[in-house]
Amino acid sequence: MDTARNKGVSSIAAVQDGAQFRRIYGDAAPSIFQRFWTKIICAQTQGPETTTLANELIGTRWITQQETTVAVERGATGRTEHTSTTSRLREVPIVRPEHLAYRLGVANGKVKALVVGLGDVLEVEWPMRIWRQRRKV
């Protein structure tokens, strides 16, 4: 593919199932997949493969999660409340796996997908047209 690219050739590929792609191409699968800069991701089936796709292909980000703990003590002098807040960094997917499974695909005459590889992750939507049958089959 690199030789073809150096000669001005472009390639477009469609992969229906990442696990199947890896099974067919084995150890070469990651290298082949990396050669395609821009990737369009449509609806996925919820499961471990979707979580891997969200974390590895789309990426992760760090968030600060704050947890507040309230301790209530009751004693002879009355009721006392102690509040403490702790912050911790947590790594989360940029796009949650549930979004890939339930928010993308075909709905309401439109196709919704994610585009990865252009910097930011883009959610795109384009109209879908269903052509009438012109003659009997």
C-alpha atoms as a PDB file:
ATOM      1  CA  MET A   1       0.000   0.000   0.000  1.00  0.00           C
ATOM      2  CA  ASP A   2       2.860   2.385   0.746  1.00  0.00           C
ATOM      3  CA  THR A   3       4.309   1.802  -2.723  1.00  0.00           C
ATOM      4  CA  ALA A   4       0.930   2.557  -4.303  1.00  0.00           C
ATOM      5  CA  ARG A   5       0.535   5.688  -2.172  1.00  0.00           C
ATOM      6  CA  ASN A   6       3.949   6.938  -3.317  1.00  0.00           C
ATOM      7  CA  LYS A   7       2.715   6.554  -6.902  1.00  0.00           C
ATOM      8  CA  GLY A   8      -0.414   8.646  -6.214  1.00  0.00           C
ATOM      9  CA  VAL A   9      -2.852   5.763  -5.720  1.00  0.00           C
ATOM     10  CA  SER A  10      -5.565   6.073  -3.063  1.00  0.00           C
ATOM     11  CA  SER A  11      -7.367   3.173  -1.436  1.00  0.00           C
ATOM     12  CA  ILE A  12     -10.772   2.883   0.180  1.00  0.00           C
ATOM     13  CA  ALA A  13     -11.629  -0.182   2.232  1.00  0.00           C
ATOM     14  CA  ALA A  14     -14.686  -1.253   4.196  1.00  0.00           C
ATOM     15  CA  VAL A  15     -14.462  -3.519   7.228  1.00  0.00           C
ATOM     16  CA  GLN A  16     -17.673  -4.959   8.581  1.00  0.00           C
ATOM     17  CA  ASP A  17     -16.183  -6.767  11.577  1.00  0.00           C
ATOM     18  CA  GLY A  18     -12.866  -5.896  13.229  1.00  0.00           C
ATOM     19  CA  ALA A  19     -12.534  -9.349  14.823  1.00  0.00           C
ATOM     20  CA  GLN A  20     -12.987 -11.005  11.435  1.00  0.00           C
ATOM     21  CA  PHE A  21     -10.400  -8.654   9.913  1.00  0.00           C
ATOM     22  CA  ARG A  22      -7.893  -9.603  12.615  1.00  0.00           C
ATOM     23  CA  ARG A  23      -8.675 -13.314  12.202  1.00  0.00           C
ATOM     24  CA  ILE A  24      -8.034 -13.173   8.434  1.00  0.00           C
ATOM     25  CA  TYR A  25      -4.914 -10.980   8.453  1.00  0.00           C
ATOM     26  CA  GLY A  26      -3.450 -12.144  11.765  1.00  0.00           C
ATOM     27  CA  ASP A  27      -0.351 -10.268  12.936  1.00  0.00           C
ATOM     28  CA  ALA A  28      -0.459  -7.978   9.881  1.00  0.00           C
ATOM     29  CA  ALA A  29      -3.954  -6.638  10.735  1.00  0.00           C
ATOM     30  CA  PRO A  30      -2.829  -3.696  12.951  1.00  0.00           C
ATOM     31  CA  SER A  31      -0.267  -2.606  10.369  1.00  0.00           C
ATOM     32  CA  ILE A  32      -2.825  -2.719   7.539  1.00  0.00           C
ATOM     33  CA  PHE A  33      -5.404  -0.888   9.625  1.00  0.00           C
ATOM     34  CA  GLN A  34      -2.943   1.885  10.526  1.00  0.00           C
ATOM     35  CA  ARG A  35      -2.311   2.634   6.848  1.00  0.00           C
ATOM     36  CA  PHE A  36      -5.819   4.074   6.525  1.00  0.00           C
ATOM     37  CA  TRP A  37      -5.630   7.551   8.010  1.00  0.00           C
ATOM     38  CA  THR A  38      -9.327   8.483   8.028  1.00  0.00           C
ATOM     39  CA  LYS A  39     -11.862   6.033   9.400  1.00  0.00           C
ATOM     40  CA  ILE A  40     -15.659   6.302   9.309  1.00  0.00           C
ATOM     41  CA  ILE A  41     -17.352   4.399  12.113  1.00  0.00           C
ATOM     42  CA  CYS A  42     -21.031   3.491  11.895  1.00  0.00           C
ATOM     43  CA  ALA A  43     -23.267   1.639  14.356  1.00  0.00           C
ATOM     44  CA  GLN A  44     -21.618  -1.143  16.339  1.00  0.00           C
ATOM     45  CA  THR A  45     -22.976  -4.137  18.223  1.00  0.00           C
ATOM     46  CA  GLN A  46     -22.626  -3.615  21.973  1.00  0.00           C
ATOM     47  CA  GLY A  47     -19.913  -5.832  23.442  1.00  0.00           C
ATOM     48  CA  PRO A  48     -16.186  -6.163  24.166  1.00  0.00           C
ATOM     49  CA  GLU A  49     -15.254  -5.372  20.550  1.00  0.00           C
ATOM     50  CA  THR A  50     -17.084  -2.027  20.811  1.00  0.00           C
ATOM     51  CA  THR A  51     -15.251  -1.155  24.031  1.00  0.00           C
ATOM     52  CA  THR A  52     -11.916  -1.948  22.350  1.00  0.00           C
ATOM     53  CA  LEU A  53     -12.887   0.193  19.357  1.00  0.00           C
ATOM     54  CA  ALA A  54     -13.837   3.119  21.612  1.00  0.00           C
ATOM     55  CA  ASN A  55     -10.641   2.936  23.673  1.00  0.00           C
ATOM     56  CA  GLU A  56      -8.024   2.057  21.079  1.00  0.00           C
ATOM     57  CA  LEU A  57      -9.218   3.447  17.748  1.00  0.00           C
ATOM     58  CA  ILE A  58     -11.049   6.574  18.887  1.00  0.00           C
ATOM     59  CA  GLY A  59      -8.979   7.177  22.013  1.00  0.00           C
ATOM     60  CA  THR A  60      -9.273   8.198  25.625  1.00  0.00           C
ATOM     61  CA  ARG A  61      -9.103  11.389  27.669  1.00  0.00           C
ATOM     62  CA  TRP A  62      -8.439  12.236  31.295  1.00  0.00           C
ATOM     63  CA  ILE A  63     -11.151  13.707  33.490  1.00  0.00           C
ATOM     64  CA  THR A  64     -11.129  14.931  37.070  1.00  0.00           C
ATOM     65  CA  GLN A  65     -13.768  13.164  39.076  1.00  0.00           C
ATOM     66  CA  GLN A  66     -14.800  14.683  42.380  1.00  0.00           C
ATOM     67  CA  GLU A  67     -16.293  12.541  45.108  1.00  0.00           C
ATOM     68  CA  THR A  68     -17.987  14.075  48.105  1.00  0.00           C
ATOM     69  CA  THR A  69     -18.377  12.096  51.304  1.00  0.00           C
ATOM     70  CA  VAL A  70     -20.682  13.192  54.092  1.00  0.00           C
ATOM     71  CA  ALA A  71     -20.280  11.605  57.518  1.00  0.00           C
ATOM     72  CA  VAL A  72     -22.976  12.216  60.115  1.00  0.00           C
ATOM     73  CA  GLU A  73     -22.292  11.638  63.786  1.00  0.00           C
ATOM     74  CA  ARG A  74     -24.902  11.687  66.468  1.00  0.00           C
ATOM     75  CA  GLY A  75     -23.874  12.061  70.059  1.00  0.00           C
ATOM     76  CA  ALA A  76     -24.734  13.600  73.370  1.00  0.00           C
ATOM     77  CA  THR A  77     -23.993  17.091  72.057  1.00  0.00           C
ATOM     78  CA  GLY A  78     -26.202  16.673  68.979  1.00  0.00           C
ATOM     79  CA  ARG A  79     -25.689  15.966  65.337  1.00  0.00           C
ATOM     80  CA  THR A  80     -22.382  16.733  63.548  1.00  0.00           C
ATOM     81  CA  GLU A  81     -21.737  16.602  59.802  1.00  0.00           C
ATOM     82  CA  HIS A  82     -18.289  16.264  58.246  1.00  0.00           C
ATOM     83  CA  THR A  83     -17.992  16.795  54.509  1.00  0.00           C
ATOM     84  CA  SER A  84     -14.895  15.927  52.541  1.00  0.00           C
ATOM     85  CA  THR A  85     -14.242  16.184  48.822  1.00  0.00           C
ATOM     86  CA  THR A  86     -11.569  14.232  47.008  1.00  0.00           C
ATOM     87  CA  SER A  87     -10.492  14.590  43.398  1.00  0.00           C
ATOM     88  CA  ARG A  88      -8.970  11.879  41.283  1.00  0.00           C
ATOM     89  CA  LEU A  89      -7.949  11.616  37.660  1.00  0.00           C
ATOM     90  CA  ARG A  90      -9.680   8.977  35.598  1.00  0.00           C
ATOM     91  CA  GLU A  91      -9.112   7.862  32.009  1.00  0.00           C
ATOM     92  CA  VAL A  92     -12.333   7.478  30.024  1.00  0.00           C
ATOM     93  CA  PRO A  93     -13.107   6.912  26.327  1.00  0.00           C
ATOM     94  CA  ILE A  94     -13.629  10.044  24.214  1.00  0.00           C
ATOM     95  CA  VAL A  95     -16.780   8.373  22.879  1.00  0.00           C
ATOM     96  CA  ARG A  96     -18.555   5.894  25.124  1.00  0.00           C
ATOM     97  CA  PRO A  97     -19.182   2.402  23.719  1.00  0.00           C
ATOM     98  CA  GLU A  98     -22.919   2.905  24.290  1.00  0.00           C
ATOM     99  CA  HIS A  99     -22.831   5.860  21.895  1.00  0.00           C
ATOM    100  CA  LEU A 100     -21.286   3.662  19.204  1.00  0.00           C
ATOM    101  CA  ALA A 101     -23.940   1.008  19.741  1.00  0.00           C
ATOM    102  CA  TYR A 102     -27.107   3.064  20.117  1.00  0.00           C
ATOM    103  CA  ARG A 103     -26.607   6.565  18.668  1.00  0.00           C
ATOM    104  CA  LEU A 104     -25.033   5.821  15.276  1.00  0.00           C
ATOM    105  CA  GLY A 105     -26.460   4.203  12.145  1.00  0.00           C
ATOM    106  CA  VAL A 106     -29.578   4.725  10.066  1.00  0.00           C
ATOM    107  CA  ALA A 107     -32.567   6.545  11.578  1.00  0.00           C
ATOM    108  CA  ASN A 108     -35.143   9.078  10.394  1.00  0.00           C
ATOM    109  CA  GLY A 109     -33.907   8.980   6.808  1.00  0.00           C
ATOM    110  CA  LYS A 110     -30.332   9.868   7.798  1.00  0.00           C
ATOM    111  CA  VAL A 111     -27.052   8.067   8.390  1.00  0.00           C
ATOM    112  CA  LYS A 112     -25.075   9.113  11.475  1.00  0.00           C
ATOM    113  CA  ALA A 113     -21.406   8.136  11.867  1.00  0.00           C
ATOM    114  CA  LEU A 114     -18.122   9.224  13.453  1.00  0.00           C
ATOM    115  CA  VAL A 115     -15.073  10.318  11.485  1.00  0.00           C
ATOM    116  CA  VAL A 116     -11.714   9.617  13.122  1.00  0.00           C
ATOM    117  CA  GLY A 117      -8.306  10.692  11.860  1.00  0.00           C
ATOM    118  CA  LEU A 118      -8.838  14.372  11.075  1.00  0.00           C
ATOM    119  CA  GLY A 119      -7.788  15.692  14.475  1.00  0.00           C
ATOM    120  CA  ASP A 120     -10.959  15.923  16.542  1.00  0.00           C
ATOM    121  CA  VAL A 121     -13.529  13.131  16.464  1.00  0.00           C
ATOM    122  CA  LEU A 122     -16.375  14.347  14.260  1.00  0.00           C
ATOM    123  CA  GLU A 123     -19.980  13.177  14.334  1.00  0.00           C
ATOM    124  CA  VAL A 124     -21.448  13.517  10.849  1.00  0.00           C
ATOM    125  CA  GLU A 125     -24.927  13.030   9.528  1.00  0.00           C
ATOM    126  CA  TRP A 126     -25.990  12.856   5.921  1.00  0.00           C
ATOM    127  CA  PRO A 127     -29.372  12.393   4.270  1.00  0.00           C
ATOM    128  CA  MET A 128     -30.354   9.058   2.861  1.00  0.00           C
ATOM    129  CA  ARG A 129     -32.473   8.660  -0.235  1.00  0.00           C
ATOM    130  CA  ILE A 130     -34.327   5.472  -1.008  1.00  0.00           C
ATOM    131  CA  TRP A 131     -34.878   5.075  -4.723  1.00  0.00           C
ATOM    132  CA  ARG A 132     -38.234   3.817  -5.947  1.00  0.00           C
ATOM    133  CA  GLN A 133     -38.298   0.629  -7.913  1.00  0.00           C
ATOM    134  CA  ARG A 134     -38.669   1.592 -11.594  1.00  0.00           C
ATOM    135  CA  ARG A 135     -39.501  -1.771 -13.058  1.00  0.00           C
ATOM    136  CA  LYS A 136     -40.582  -5.140 -11.832  1.00  0.00           C
ATOM    137  CA  VAL A 137     -37.843  -7.593 -11.123  1.00  0.00           C
END
